[in-house]
N, C-alpha and C. Protein backbone atom coordinates (compact mmCIF):
# COMPACT_ATOMS: atom_id res chain seq x y z
N MET A 1 -7.42 22.89 4.88
CA MET A 1 -6.73 21.69 5.25
C MET A 1 -7.71 20.70 5.88
N ARG A 2 -7.46 19.42 5.70
CA ARG A 2 -8.35 18.41 6.23
C ARG A 2 -8.24 18.35 7.75
N GLU A 3 -9.38 18.33 8.41
CA GLU A 3 -9.39 18.29 9.87
C GLU A 3 -9.16 16.89 10.41
N ASN A 4 -9.67 15.87 9.72
CA ASN A 4 -9.57 14.49 10.19
C ASN A 4 -8.40 13.74 9.56
N HIS A 5 -7.41 14.46 9.08
CA HIS A 5 -6.27 13.84 8.42
C HIS A 5 -5.40 13.12 9.45
N LYS A 6 -5.30 11.79 9.30
CA LYS A 6 -4.50 11.00 10.23
C LYS A 6 -3.07 10.90 9.70
N LYS A 7 -2.12 10.90 10.62
CA LYS A 7 -0.72 10.71 10.26
C LYS A 7 -0.33 9.29 10.64
N TYR A 8 0.20 8.54 9.70
CA TYR A 8 0.64 7.19 9.94
C TYR A 8 2.16 7.14 9.79
N THR A 9 2.80 6.36 10.64
CA THR A 9 4.25 6.23 10.54
C THR A 9 4.60 5.38 9.32
N GLN A 10 5.81 5.54 8.84
CA GLN A 10 6.29 4.75 7.71
C GLN A 10 6.27 3.26 8.06
N GLU A 11 6.62 2.94 9.30
CA GLU A 11 6.64 1.54 9.74
C GLU A 11 5.23 0.93 9.69
N PHE A 12 4.23 1.70 10.13
CA PHE A 12 2.85 1.22 10.10
C PHE A 12 2.40 0.98 8.67
N ARG A 13 2.70 1.94 7.80
CA ARG A 13 2.32 1.80 6.39
C ARG A 13 2.92 0.53 5.80
N GLN A 14 4.21 0.33 6.06
CA GLN A 14 4.88 -0.84 5.51
C GLN A 14 4.30 -2.14 6.07
N GLN A 15 3.95 -2.14 7.35
CA GLN A 15 3.35 -3.34 7.96
C GLN A 15 2.01 -3.68 7.30
N ILE A 16 1.21 -2.67 7.02
CA ILE A 16 -0.09 -2.90 6.39
C ILE A 16 0.11 -3.45 4.98
N VAL A 17 1.04 -2.88 4.24
CA VAL A 17 1.31 -3.36 2.88
C VAL A 17 1.85 -4.79 2.93
N ASP A 18 2.71 -5.07 3.88
CA ASP A 18 3.24 -6.43 4.03
C ASP A 18 2.11 -7.42 4.33
N LEU A 19 1.17 -7.02 5.18
CA LEU A 19 0.02 -7.88 5.46
C LEU A 19 -0.77 -8.16 4.18
N TYR A 20 -0.98 -7.13 3.40
CA TYR A 20 -1.70 -7.29 2.13
C TYR A 20 -0.96 -8.23 1.19
N ASN A 21 0.37 -8.05 1.08
CA ASN A 21 1.16 -8.82 0.14
C ASN A 21 1.33 -10.29 0.55
N THR A 22 1.10 -10.61 1.81
CA THR A 22 1.18 -12.01 2.22
C THR A 22 0.04 -12.83 1.64
N GLY A 23 -1.05 -12.16 1.29
CA GLY A 23 -2.22 -12.84 0.77
C GLY A 23 -3.16 -13.32 1.86
N ASN A 24 -2.78 -13.11 3.11
CA ASN A 24 -3.63 -13.54 4.22
C ASN A 24 -4.72 -12.54 4.56
N TYR A 25 -4.60 -11.32 4.07
CA TYR A 25 -5.58 -10.27 4.34
C TYR A 25 -6.05 -9.68 3.02
N SER A 26 -7.34 -9.53 2.89
CA SER A 26 -7.89 -8.90 1.68
C SER A 26 -7.83 -7.39 1.84
N PHE A 27 -7.98 -6.72 0.71
CA PHE A 27 -8.00 -5.27 0.70
C PHE A 27 -9.10 -4.75 1.61
N SER A 28 -10.31 -5.28 1.43
CA SER A 28 -11.45 -4.81 2.23
C SER A 28 -11.28 -5.15 3.71
N GLN A 29 -10.64 -6.26 4.01
CA GLN A 29 -10.40 -6.63 5.41
C GLN A 29 -9.46 -5.62 6.08
N LEU A 30 -8.44 -5.19 5.37
CA LEU A 30 -7.52 -4.20 5.93
C LEU A 30 -8.22 -2.86 6.13
N LEU A 31 -9.06 -2.48 5.17
CA LEU A 31 -9.82 -1.23 5.30
C LEU A 31 -10.66 -1.24 6.56
N GLU A 32 -11.35 -2.35 6.76
CA GLU A 32 -12.25 -2.47 7.91
C GLU A 32 -11.49 -2.58 9.23
N ASP A 33 -10.48 -3.43 9.26
CA ASP A 33 -9.74 -3.67 10.52
C ASP A 33 -8.94 -2.47 10.99
N TYR A 34 -8.40 -1.69 10.05
CA TYR A 34 -7.50 -0.60 10.45
C TYR A 34 -8.08 0.79 10.20
N GLY A 35 -9.26 0.88 9.62
CA GLY A 35 -9.91 2.18 9.43
C GLY A 35 -9.18 3.08 8.44
N ILE A 36 -8.57 2.47 7.46
CA ILE A 36 -7.84 3.22 6.44
C ILE A 36 -8.79 3.44 5.26
N THR A 37 -8.67 4.56 4.58
CA THR A 37 -9.51 4.82 3.42
C THR A 37 -8.98 4.07 2.20
N LYS A 38 -9.87 3.83 1.24
CA LYS A 38 -9.50 3.12 0.02
C LYS A 38 -8.35 3.81 -0.73
N PRO A 39 -8.46 5.11 -0.98
CA PRO A 39 -7.37 5.76 -1.72
C PRO A 39 -6.03 5.70 -0.98
N THR A 40 -6.08 5.80 0.34
CA THR A 40 -4.86 5.76 1.14
C THR A 40 -4.19 4.39 1.02
N LEU A 41 -4.97 3.33 1.20
CA LEU A 41 -4.41 1.99 1.12
C LEU A 41 -3.92 1.69 -0.29
N SER A 42 -4.65 2.11 -1.28
CA SER A 42 -4.21 1.90 -2.67
C SER A 42 -2.86 2.55 -2.92
N GLN A 43 -2.71 3.77 -2.43
CA GLN A 43 -1.44 4.50 -2.61
C GLN A 43 -0.30 3.80 -1.89
N TRP A 44 -0.55 3.35 -0.67
CA TRP A 44 0.49 2.64 0.08
C TRP A 44 0.92 1.38 -0.65
N ILE A 45 -0.05 0.62 -1.13
CA ILE A 45 0.27 -0.62 -1.84
C ILE A 45 1.08 -0.31 -3.10
N ASN A 46 0.68 0.72 -3.79
CA ASN A 46 1.38 1.14 -5.00
C ASN A 46 2.82 1.55 -4.71
N ASP A 47 3.00 2.33 -3.67
CA ASP A 47 4.33 2.89 -3.36
C ASP A 47 5.25 1.92 -2.63
N LEU A 48 4.69 1.04 -1.80
CA LEU A 48 5.53 0.25 -0.90
C LEU A 48 5.62 -1.23 -1.22
N SER A 49 4.88 -1.69 -2.20
CA SER A 49 4.98 -3.11 -2.57
C SER A 49 6.29 -3.35 -3.31
N PRO A 50 6.90 -4.49 -3.06
CA PRO A 50 8.18 -4.77 -3.71
C PRO A 50 8.04 -4.99 -5.21
N ILE A 51 9.07 -4.56 -5.94
CA ILE A 51 9.14 -4.74 -7.39
C ILE A 51 10.45 -5.46 -7.67
N GLN A 52 10.40 -6.56 -8.39
CA GLN A 52 11.60 -7.32 -8.74
C GLN A 52 12.26 -6.62 -9.93
N VAL A 53 13.48 -6.09 -9.74
CA VAL A 53 14.17 -5.38 -10.81
C VAL A 53 15.25 -6.22 -11.46
N SER A 54 15.68 -7.27 -10.80
CA SER A 54 16.61 -8.23 -11.38
C SER A 54 16.42 -9.55 -10.65
N GLY A 55 17.27 -10.51 -10.96
CA GLY A 55 17.15 -11.81 -10.33
C GLY A 55 17.24 -11.79 -8.83
N THR A 56 18.01 -10.86 -8.29
CA THR A 56 18.23 -10.82 -6.84
C THR A 56 17.83 -9.51 -6.19
N GLU A 57 17.50 -8.51 -6.98
CA GLU A 57 17.23 -7.19 -6.42
C GLU A 57 15.74 -6.85 -6.44
N ILE A 58 15.25 -6.38 -5.29
CA ILE A 58 13.85 -5.97 -5.14
C ILE A 58 13.84 -4.57 -4.52
N ILE A 59 13.05 -3.67 -5.10
CA ILE A 59 12.88 -2.32 -4.54
C ILE A 59 11.40 -1.98 -4.56
N THR A 60 11.05 -0.89 -3.89
CA THR A 60 9.67 -0.40 -3.92
C THR A 60 9.58 0.75 -4.91
N LEU A 61 8.36 1.09 -5.29
CA LEU A 61 8.16 2.22 -6.18
C LEU A 61 8.68 3.50 -5.53
N GLN A 62 8.49 3.61 -4.24
CA GLN A 62 8.98 4.79 -3.51
C GLN A 62 10.50 4.89 -3.61
N GLU A 63 11.19 3.76 -3.44
CA GLU A 63 12.65 3.77 -3.59
C GLU A 63 13.06 4.09 -5.02
N TYR A 64 12.32 3.55 -5.98
CA TYR A 64 12.59 3.82 -7.38
C TYR A 64 12.46 5.31 -7.69
N LYS A 65 11.39 5.93 -7.20
CA LYS A 65 11.20 7.36 -7.43
C LYS A 65 12.31 8.17 -6.78
N SER A 66 12.74 7.76 -5.60
CA SER A 66 13.84 8.42 -4.91
C SER A 66 15.12 8.32 -5.73
N LEU A 67 15.38 7.16 -6.29
CA LEU A 67 16.57 6.97 -7.13
C LEU A 67 16.49 7.83 -8.39
N GLN A 68 15.32 7.92 -8.99
CA GLN A 68 15.15 8.77 -10.16
C GLN A 68 15.44 10.23 -9.83
N LYS A 69 14.97 10.68 -8.69
CA LYS A 69 15.21 12.06 -8.26
C LYS A 69 16.70 12.30 -8.06
N LYS A 70 17.38 11.34 -7.43
CA LYS A 70 18.82 11.47 -7.18
C LYS A 70 19.59 11.51 -8.50
N ILE A 71 19.20 10.67 -9.45
CA ILE A 71 19.85 10.67 -10.77
C ILE A 71 19.68 12.03 -11.44
N TYR A 72 18.49 12.57 -11.39
CA TYR A 72 18.23 13.88 -11.98
C TYR A 72 19.11 14.96 -11.35
N GLU A 73 19.19 14.94 -10.01
CA GLU A 73 20.01 15.92 -9.31
C GLU A 73 21.49 15.78 -9.69
N LEU A 74 21.97 14.56 -9.79
CA LEU A 74 23.37 14.33 -10.17
C LEU A 74 23.64 14.76 -11.61
N GLU A 75 22.68 14.54 -12.50
CA GLU A 75 22.83 15.00 -13.88
C GLU A 75 22.91 16.51 -13.95
N LEU A 76 22.10 17.20 -13.15
CA LEU A 76 22.17 18.66 -13.10
C LEU A 76 23.52 19.14 -12.58
N GLU A 77 24.00 18.50 -11.51
CA GLU A 77 25.30 18.86 -10.96
C GLU A 77 26.41 18.64 -11.98
N ASN A 78 26.35 17.53 -12.70
CA ASN A 78 27.36 17.25 -13.72
C ASN A 78 27.34 18.29 -14.82
N GLU A 79 26.16 18.70 -15.24
CA GLU A 79 26.03 19.72 -16.27
C GLU A 79 26.63 21.05 -15.81
N ILE A 80 26.36 21.42 -14.58
CA ILE A 80 26.93 22.65 -14.01
C ILE A 80 28.45 22.57 -13.98
N LEU A 81 28.98 21.43 -13.55
CA LEU A 81 30.43 21.25 -13.49
C LEU A 81 31.06 21.28 -14.89
N ARG A 82 30.40 20.68 -15.88
CA ARG A 82 30.92 20.72 -17.26
C ARG A 82 30.98 22.16 -17.77
N LYS A 83 29.93 22.92 -17.49
CA LYS A 83 29.91 24.32 -17.94
C LYS A 83 30.97 25.14 -17.22
N ALA A 84 31.16 24.90 -15.92
CA ALA A 84 32.18 25.61 -15.17
C ALA A 84 33.57 25.24 -15.67
N ALA A 85 33.80 23.97 -15.96
CA ALA A 85 35.10 23.54 -16.47
C ALA A 85 35.38 24.18 -17.83
N ALA A 86 34.35 24.29 -18.68
CA ALA A 86 34.52 24.90 -19.99
C ALA A 86 34.84 26.38 -19.87
N LEU A 87 34.23 27.06 -18.90
CA LEU A 87 34.51 28.47 -18.68
C LEU A 87 35.95 28.69 -18.22
N TYR A 88 36.41 27.88 -17.29
CA TYR A 88 37.75 28.04 -16.74
C TYR A 88 38.83 27.59 -17.71
N SER A 89 38.57 26.60 -18.51
CA SER A 89 39.59 26.12 -19.47
C SER A 89 39.69 27.06 -20.66
N GLY A 90 38.67 27.85 -20.91
CA GLY A 90 38.66 28.79 -22.02
C GLY A 90 39.42 30.08 -21.72
N GLN A 91 39.78 30.30 -20.44
CA GLN A 91 40.47 31.56 -20.10
C GLN A 91 41.94 31.49 -20.31
C-alpha cells in the first residue's frame, strides 16, 4: 500500500475541479498550488466536470456511472422478479 497516499474530501476535489473549469486556473497552476499529482487531478477533472445531457440537465461522469450501476441493479432485480413470477404462476 502507498505510504504517502493523501485522502482528499469530496468537497475539496469538487472545489479544485470547479477552479479548473472556471478557466482562471491552469492545470499546472493547480498542481503547483495544491500539491496534487497529475494523474490525480486528471481523474478528478474527468469524473467531476459537468456534462450537458440535455438543454437544462447537467451531470458529472461520476453521477453518470452511478446511474448506470443503479440501472444495472434494477434490471437484475426485475429479471429475478420475472423468473419468480413465472415459477409461481406455473404451479
